[in-house]
Amino acid sequence: MITGRQIREARALLGLQRSQLAARVRNITTATIMRAELVDGEPPITTAQADALKEALERAGIEFTSDPPSARLRAAEP
């Protein structure tokens, strides 16, 4: 499960506004992203919404770590 902190970090790394991220994810609103980012841990959104956000951020070049939960830009492949 992606955390609210990871969503915040990933969006910041990509330089995306909430509205820009929402436009990349089907059935996700800016308000949903804002609600998810308000917590550091498990966000108060559905599993499907969390999965959709995670997938969109990974497609944009983000890699998620689990210990500790964090986000970073994926290294370019040689």
C-alpha atoms as a PDB file:
ATOM      1  CA  MET A   1       0.000   0.000   0.000  1.00  0.00           C
ATOM      2  CA  ILE A   2       1.275   3.455  -0.897  1.00  0.00           C
ATOM      3  CA  THR A   3       1.357   5.996   1.949  1.00  0.00           C
ATOM      4  CA  GLY A   4       0.259   9.604   1.989  1.00  0.00           C
ATOM      5  CA  ARG A   5       3.866  10.661   2.542  1.00  0.00           C
ATOM      6  CA  GLN A   6       4.994   8.683  -0.517  1.00  0.00           C
ATOM      7  CA  ILE A   7       2.343  10.363  -2.664  1.00  0.00           C
ATOM      8  CA  ARG A   8       3.490  13.805  -1.469  1.00  0.00           C
ATOM      9  CA  GLU A   9       7.158  12.953  -2.048  1.00  0.00           C
ATOM     10  CA  ALA A  10       6.547  11.473  -5.489  1.00  0.00           C
ATOM     11  CA  ARG A  11       4.472  14.411  -6.651  1.00  0.00           C
ATOM     12  CA  ALA A  12       7.141  16.839  -5.420  1.00  0.00           C
ATOM     13  CA  LEU A  13       9.919  14.911  -7.165  1.00  0.00           C
ATOM     14  CA  LEU A  14       7.990  15.095 -10.424  1.00  0.00           C
ATOM     15  CA  GLY A  15       7.078  18.756  -9.945  1.00  0.00           C
ATOM     16  CA  LEU A  16       3.377  18.006 -10.377  1.00  0.00           C
ATOM     17  CA  GLN A  17       0.471  19.952  -8.971  1.00  0.00           C
ATOM     18  CA  ARG A  18      -2.356  17.861  -7.515  1.00  0.00           C
ATOM     19  CA  SER A  19      -4.541  18.797 -10.474  1.00  0.00           C
ATOM     20  CA  GLN A  20      -1.875  17.565 -12.902  1.00  0.00           C
ATOM     21  CA  LEU A  21      -1.619  14.230 -11.117  1.00  0.00           C
ATOM     22  CA  ALA A  22      -5.413  13.909 -10.987  1.00  0.00           C
ATOM     23  CA  ALA A  23      -5.546  14.442 -14.755  1.00  0.00           C
ATOM     24  CA  ARG A  24      -3.239  11.421 -15.215  1.00  0.00           C
ATOM     25  CA  VAL A  25      -5.358   9.064 -13.104  1.00  0.00           C
ATOM     26  CA  ARG A  26      -8.838   7.958 -14.067  1.00  0.00           C
ATOM     27  CA  ASN A  27     -11.520   8.540 -11.412  1.00  0.00           C
ATOM     28  CA  ILE A  28      -9.203  10.428  -9.056  1.00  0.00           C
ATOM     29  CA  THR A  29      -9.977  14.001  -8.078  1.00  0.00           C
ATOM     30  CA  THR A  30      -7.748  16.699  -6.700  1.00  0.00           C
ATOM     31  CA  ALA A  31      -9.693  16.433  -3.433  1.00  0.00           C
ATOM     32  CA  THR A  32      -8.918  12.704  -3.230  1.00  0.00           C
ATOM     33  CA  ILE A  33      -5.205  13.375  -3.641  1.00  0.00           C
ATOM     34  CA  MET A  34      -5.333  16.142  -1.045  1.00  0.00           C
ATOM     35  CA  ARG A  35      -7.122  13.835   1.417  1.00  0.00           C
ATOM     36  CA  ALA A  36      -4.551  11.083   0.797  1.00  0.00           C
ATOM     37  CA  GLU A  37      -1.623  13.450   1.338  1.00  0.00           C
ATOM     38  CA  LEU A  38      -2.922  14.729   4.680  1.00  0.00           C
ATOM     39  CA  VAL A  39      -1.654  11.614   6.468  1.00  0.00           C
ATOM     40  CA  ASP A  40       1.835  10.113   6.570  1.00  0.00           C
ATOM     41  CA  GLY A  41       0.601   6.523   6.738  1.00  0.00           C
ATOM     42  CA  GLU A  42      -2.158   4.620   4.973  1.00  0.00           C
ATOM     43  CA  PRO A  43      -4.336   7.179   3.195  1.00  0.00           C
ATOM     44  CA  PRO A  44      -8.118   7.346   3.718  1.00  0.00           C
ATOM     45  CA  ILE A  45      -8.855   6.357   0.109  1.00  0.00           C
ATOM     46  CA  THR A  46      -9.926   3.092  -1.491  1.00  0.00           C
ATOM     47  CA  THR A  47      -7.408   0.417  -2.387  1.00  0.00           C
ATOM     48  CA  ALA A  48      -8.310   0.901  -6.052  1.00  0.00           C
ATOM     49  CA  GLN A  49      -7.573   4.632  -5.803  1.00  0.00           C
ATOM     50  CA  ALA A  50      -4.261   4.001  -4.033  1.00  0.00           C
ATOM     51  CA  ASP A  51      -3.275   1.422  -6.643  1.00  0.00           C
ATOM     52  CA  ALA A  52      -4.193   3.795  -9.498  1.00  0.00           C
ATOM     53  CA  LEU A  53      -2.128   6.612  -7.980  1.00  0.00           C
ATOM     54  CA  LYS A  54       0.844   4.304  -7.418  1.00  0.00           C
ATOM     55  CA  GLU A  55       0.685   3.006 -10.976  1.00  0.00           C
ATOM     56  CA  ALA A  56       0.502   6.503 -12.471  1.00  0.00           C
ATOM     57  CA  LEU A  57       3.443   7.701 -10.388  1.00  0.00           C
ATOM     58  CA  GLU A  58       5.518   4.648 -11.315  1.00  0.00           C
ATOM     59  CA  ARG A  59       4.759   5.235 -15.016  1.00  0.00           C
ATOM     60  CA  ALA A  60       6.021   8.788 -14.532  1.00  0.00           C
ATOM     61  CA  GLY A  61       9.379   7.505 -13.234  1.00  0.00           C
ATOM     62  CA  ILE A  62       8.931   7.058  -9.495  1.00  0.00           C
ATOM     63  CA  GLU A  63      10.227   4.099  -7.555  1.00  0.00           C
ATOM     64  CA  PHE A  64       8.759   3.337  -4.131  1.00  0.00           C
ATOM     65  CA  THR A  65      10.690   1.844  -1.217  1.00  0.00           C
ATOM     66  CA  SER A  66       9.139   0.103   1.751  1.00  0.00           C
ATOM     67  CA  ASP A  67      11.724   0.323   4.524  1.00  0.00           C
ATOM     68  CA  PRO A  68      11.397   3.149   5.279  1.00  0.00           C
ATOM     69  CA  PRO A  69       8.434   4.043   3.069  1.00  0.00           C
ATOM     70  CA  SER A  70       9.720   6.612   0.612  1.00  0.00           C
ATOM     71  CA  ALA A  71       9.702   7.680  -3.035  1.00  0.00           C
ATOM     72  CA  ARG A  72      12.578   8.425  -5.361  1.00  0.00           C
ATOM     73  CA  LEU A  73      13.166   8.974  -9.045  1.00  0.00           C
ATOM     74  CA  ARG A  74      13.933   5.725 -10.828  1.00  0.00           C
ATOM     75  CA  ALA A  75      17.495   5.539 -12.114  1.00  0.00           C
ATOM     76  CA  ALA A  76      17.868   5.750 -15.869  1.00  0.00           C
ATOM     77  CA  GLU A  77      18.666   2.447 -17.500  1.00  0.00           C
ATOM     78  CA  PRO A  78      22.054   2.374 -19.279  1.00  0.00           C
END
